[in-house]
Amino acid sequence: MVAEKSNAVTFKVLQDATKPEIKAAVELMFKVEVKGVSVVNTKGKTKRFGRSIGRRDNVRKAYVTLKPGQELNLSGEAA
């Protein structure tokens, strides 16, 4: 997910990932400068499947804000 207004990108990350690890990974993978990282833990919902009750997984999202002038290249092509 890319938010144009705040130059932020959303990633689904591992539950035990820390902010410095996320920042380093994004900078390494996409070769951009990261301004900041915010994380959100979302609890999984309980859902019914007929008679049985199941549960969705917990999700940890990382909102990565890029420095001005930086852009994420999601196509994978080298610029």
N, C-alpha and C. Protein backbone atom coordinates (compact mmCIF):
# COMPACT_ATOMS: atom_id res chain seq x y z
N MET A 1 0.84 -1.18 0.00
CA MET A 1 0.00 0.00 0.00
C MET A 1 0.89 1.24 0.00
N VAL A 2 0.60 2.16 -0.87
CA VAL A 2 1.39 3.37 -0.95
C VAL A 2 0.48 4.57 -0.69
N ALA A 3 0.85 5.39 0.28
CA ALA A 3 0.11 6.62 0.56
C ALA A 3 0.88 7.79 -0.03
N GLU A 4 0.32 8.42 -1.01
CA GLU A 4 1.03 9.48 -1.74
C GLU A 4 1.27 10.73 -0.90
N LYS A 5 0.32 11.08 -0.05
CA LYS A 5 0.38 12.35 0.65
C LYS A 5 1.56 12.44 1.63
N SER A 6 1.74 11.42 2.44
CA SER A 6 2.78 11.48 3.46
C SER A 6 4.04 10.74 3.06
N ASN A 7 4.13 10.25 1.81
CA ASN A 7 5.29 9.51 1.32
C ASN A 7 5.54 8.30 2.21
N ALA A 8 4.47 7.58 2.57
CA ALA A 8 4.57 6.42 3.45
C ALA A 8 4.15 5.15 2.72
N VAL A 9 4.74 4.03 3.14
CA VAL A 9 4.45 2.73 2.56
C VAL A 9 4.12 1.77 3.70
N THR A 10 3.18 0.87 3.49
CA THR A 10 2.79 -0.08 4.52
C THR A 10 3.29 -1.48 4.16
N PHE A 11 3.88 -2.15 5.16
CA PHE A 11 4.38 -3.51 4.98
C PHE A 11 3.79 -4.40 6.06
N LYS A 12 3.53 -5.66 5.72
CA LYS A 12 3.15 -6.66 6.71
C LYS A 12 4.46 -7.33 7.13
N VAL A 13 4.78 -7.29 8.43
CA VAL A 13 6.08 -7.77 8.90
C VAL A 13 5.89 -8.88 9.94
N LEU A 14 7.00 -9.53 10.29
CA LEU A 14 6.97 -10.58 11.31
C LEU A 14 6.61 -10.00 12.67
N GLN A 15 6.01 -10.84 13.54
CA GLN A 15 5.58 -10.38 14.85
C GLN A 15 6.73 -9.90 15.71
N ASP A 16 7.92 -10.48 15.55
CA ASP A 16 9.05 -10.11 16.41
C ASP A 16 10.00 -9.11 15.75
N ALA A 17 9.60 -8.52 14.63
CA ALA A 17 10.45 -7.54 13.94
C ALA A 17 10.46 -6.22 14.72
N THR A 18 11.66 -5.63 14.85
CA THR A 18 11.78 -4.35 15.55
C THR A 18 11.88 -3.22 14.54
N LYS A 19 11.68 -1.98 15.02
CA LYS A 19 11.74 -0.82 14.13
C LYS A 19 13.11 -0.69 13.44
N PRO A 20 14.24 -0.82 14.17
CA PRO A 20 15.54 -0.73 13.48
C PRO A 20 15.73 -1.82 12.42
N GLU A 21 15.24 -3.03 12.70
CA GLU A 21 15.36 -4.12 11.72
C GLU A 21 14.54 -3.81 10.47
N ILE A 22 13.33 -3.29 10.66
CA ILE A 22 12.46 -2.96 9.53
C ILE A 22 13.10 -1.85 8.69
N LYS A 23 13.62 -0.83 9.35
CA LYS A 23 14.27 0.29 8.65
C LYS A 23 15.45 -0.20 7.83
N ALA A 24 16.30 -1.02 8.43
CA ALA A 24 17.48 -1.53 7.73
C ALA A 24 17.08 -2.40 6.54
N ALA A 25 16.06 -3.22 6.70
CA ALA A 25 15.62 -4.10 5.62
C ALA A 25 15.06 -3.32 4.44
N VAL A 26 14.24 -2.29 4.71
CA VAL A 26 13.66 -1.49 3.63
C VAL A 26 14.75 -0.71 2.90
N GLU A 27 15.69 -0.13 3.66
CA GLU A 27 16.78 0.62 3.03
C GLU A 27 17.65 -0.30 2.16
N LEU A 28 17.87 -1.52 2.62
CA LEU A 28 18.71 -2.46 1.88
C LEU A 28 18.00 -2.99 0.63
N MET A 29 16.72 -3.36 0.78
CA MET A 29 15.99 -3.97 -0.33
C MET A 29 15.67 -2.98 -1.44
N PHE A 30 15.23 -1.77 -1.07
CA PHE A 30 14.75 -0.82 -2.07
C PHE A 30 15.71 0.32 -2.33
N LYS A 31 16.83 0.37 -1.60
CA LYS A 31 17.86 1.41 -1.77
C LYS A 31 17.27 2.82 -1.66
N VAL A 32 16.55 3.06 -0.56
CA VAL A 32 15.96 4.36 -0.26
C VAL A 32 16.36 4.77 1.15
N GLU A 33 16.16 6.06 1.47
CA GLU A 33 16.42 6.55 2.82
C GLU A 33 15.10 6.62 3.58
N VAL A 34 15.08 6.04 4.78
CA VAL A 34 13.87 5.97 5.59
C VAL A 34 13.91 7.07 6.65
N LYS A 35 12.82 7.81 6.73
CA LYS A 35 12.71 8.88 7.74
C LYS A 35 12.27 8.31 9.08
N GLY A 36 11.28 7.41 9.08
CA GLY A 36 10.79 6.84 10.33
C GLY A 36 9.95 5.61 10.10
N VAL A 37 9.77 4.84 11.17
CA VAL A 37 8.97 3.61 11.11
C VAL A 37 7.98 3.61 12.28
N SER A 38 6.72 3.35 11.98
CA SER A 38 5.69 3.16 13.01
C SER A 38 5.14 1.76 12.84
N VAL A 39 4.84 1.09 13.95
CA VAL A 39 4.29 -0.26 13.86
C VAL A 39 2.95 -0.34 14.58
N VAL A 40 2.08 -1.22 14.06
CA VAL A 40 0.76 -1.44 14.64
C VAL A 40 0.54 -2.94 14.75
N ASN A 41 0.13 -3.39 15.94
CA ASN A 41 -0.24 -4.79 16.14
C ASN A 41 -1.75 -4.89 16.09
N THR A 42 -2.27 -5.73 15.18
CA THR A 42 -3.69 -5.93 15.03
C THR A 42 -4.04 -7.35 15.49
N LYS A 43 -4.97 -7.47 16.40
CA LYS A 43 -5.40 -8.78 16.88
C LYS A 43 -6.24 -9.48 15.82
N GLY A 44 -6.07 -10.79 15.69
CA GLY A 44 -6.84 -11.58 14.74
C GLY A 44 -8.27 -11.75 15.20
N LYS A 45 -9.19 -11.71 14.26
CA LYS A 45 -10.61 -11.86 14.60
C LYS A 45 -10.97 -13.33 14.75
N THR A 46 -11.97 -13.59 15.59
CA THR A 46 -12.55 -14.92 15.70
C THR A 46 -13.64 -15.06 14.66
N LYS A 47 -13.58 -16.11 13.86
CA LYS A 47 -14.54 -16.32 12.78
C LYS A 47 -15.13 -17.71 12.88
N ARG A 48 -16.36 -17.85 12.41
CA ARG A 48 -17.02 -19.16 12.38
C ARG A 48 -16.99 -19.72 10.98
N PHE A 49 -16.69 -21.00 10.88
CA PHE A 49 -16.73 -21.72 9.62
C PHE A 49 -17.70 -22.88 9.80
N GLY A 50 -18.99 -22.62 9.57
CA GLY A 50 -20.00 -23.64 9.83
C GLY A 50 -20.13 -23.86 11.32
N ARG A 51 -19.87 -25.08 11.77
CA ARG A 51 -19.96 -25.38 13.20
C ARG A 51 -18.69 -25.00 13.96
N SER A 52 -17.57 -25.08 13.30
CA SER A 52 -16.29 -24.87 13.99
C SER A 52 -15.95 -23.39 14.07
N ILE A 53 -15.19 -23.06 15.10
CA ILE A 53 -14.75 -21.68 15.30
C ILE A 53 -13.26 -21.61 15.00
N GLY A 54 -12.89 -20.65 14.17
CA GLY A 54 -11.49 -20.46 13.81
C GLY A 54 -11.05 -19.07 14.21
N ARG A 55 -9.78 -18.80 13.99
CA ARG A 55 -9.24 -17.49 14.36
C ARG A 55 -8.25 -17.05 13.30
N ARG A 56 -8.36 -15.81 12.89
CA ARG A 56 -7.38 -15.25 11.95
C ARG A 56 -6.09 -14.94 12.70
N ASP A 57 -5.00 -14.90 11.98
CA ASP A 57 -3.71 -14.62 12.60
C ASP A 57 -3.62 -13.17 13.05
N ASN A 58 -2.81 -12.94 14.08
CA ASN A 58 -2.48 -11.58 14.46
C ASN A 58 -1.57 -11.00 13.39
N VAL A 59 -1.67 -9.69 13.14
CA VAL A 59 -0.91 -9.04 12.08
C VAL A 59 -0.14 -7.87 12.66
N ARG A 60 1.12 -7.72 12.24
CA ARG A 60 1.94 -6.56 12.61
C ARG A 60 2.23 -5.80 11.33
N LYS A 61 1.80 -4.54 11.29
CA LYS A 61 2.01 -3.70 10.11
C LYS A 61 3.07 -2.66 10.43
N ALA A 62 3.90 -2.36 9.45
CA ALA A 62 4.91 -1.32 9.61
C ALA A 62 4.61 -0.21 8.61
N TYR A 63 4.43 1.00 9.11
CA TYR A 63 4.25 2.17 8.26
C TYR A 63 5.61 2.85 8.14
N VAL A 64 6.21 2.78 6.96
CA VAL A 64 7.55 3.31 6.73
C VAL A 64 7.43 4.64 6.00
N THR A 65 7.90 5.71 6.62
CA THR A 65 7.89 7.04 6.01
C THR A 65 9.25 7.28 5.36
N LEU A 66 9.22 7.66 4.09
CA LEU A 66 10.45 7.91 3.35
C LEU A 66 10.82 9.39 3.43
N LYS A 67 12.11 9.66 3.30
CA LYS A 67 12.58 11.05 3.29
C LYS A 67 12.10 11.74 2.03
N PRO A 68 11.96 13.09 2.06
CA PRO A 68 11.49 13.80 0.86
C PRO A 68 12.40 13.55 -0.34
N GLY A 69 11.78 13.34 -1.48
CA GLY A 69 12.54 13.08 -2.71
C GLY A 69 12.78 11.60 -2.94
N GLN A 70 12.51 10.77 -1.95
CA GLN A 70 12.71 9.32 -2.11
C GLN A 70 11.44 8.68 -2.66
N GLU A 71 11.61 7.65 -3.46
CA GLU A 71 10.48 6.96 -4.05
C GLU A 71 10.76 5.47 -4.06
N LEU A 72 9.73 4.67 -3.82
CA LEU A 72 9.88 3.22 -3.78
C LEU A 72 9.64 2.64 -5.14
N ASN A 73 10.57 1.82 -5.61
CA ASN A 73 10.43 1.16 -6.90
C ASN A 73 9.92 -0.25 -6.68
N LEU A 74 8.60 -0.45 -6.80
CA LEU A 74 8.01 -1.76 -6.53
C LEU A 74 8.06 -2.70 -7.72
N SER A 75 8.46 -2.22 -8.89
CA SER A 75 8.51 -3.08 -10.08
C SER A 75 9.71 -4.00 -10.06
N GLY A 76 10.74 -3.69 -9.25
CA GLY A 76 11.92 -4.55 -9.16
C GLY A 76 13.00 -4.22 -10.18
N GLU A 77 12.76 -3.25 -11.06
CA GLU A 77 13.75 -2.89 -12.06
C GLU A 77 14.76 -1.90 -11.46
N ALA A 78 16.00 -2.05 -11.84
CA ALA A 78 17.04 -1.14 -11.35
C ALA A 78 16.91 0.19 -12.09
N ALA A 79 17.01 1.28 -11.35
CA ALA A 79 16.84 2.60 -11.96
C ALA A 79 18.15 3.14 -12.49
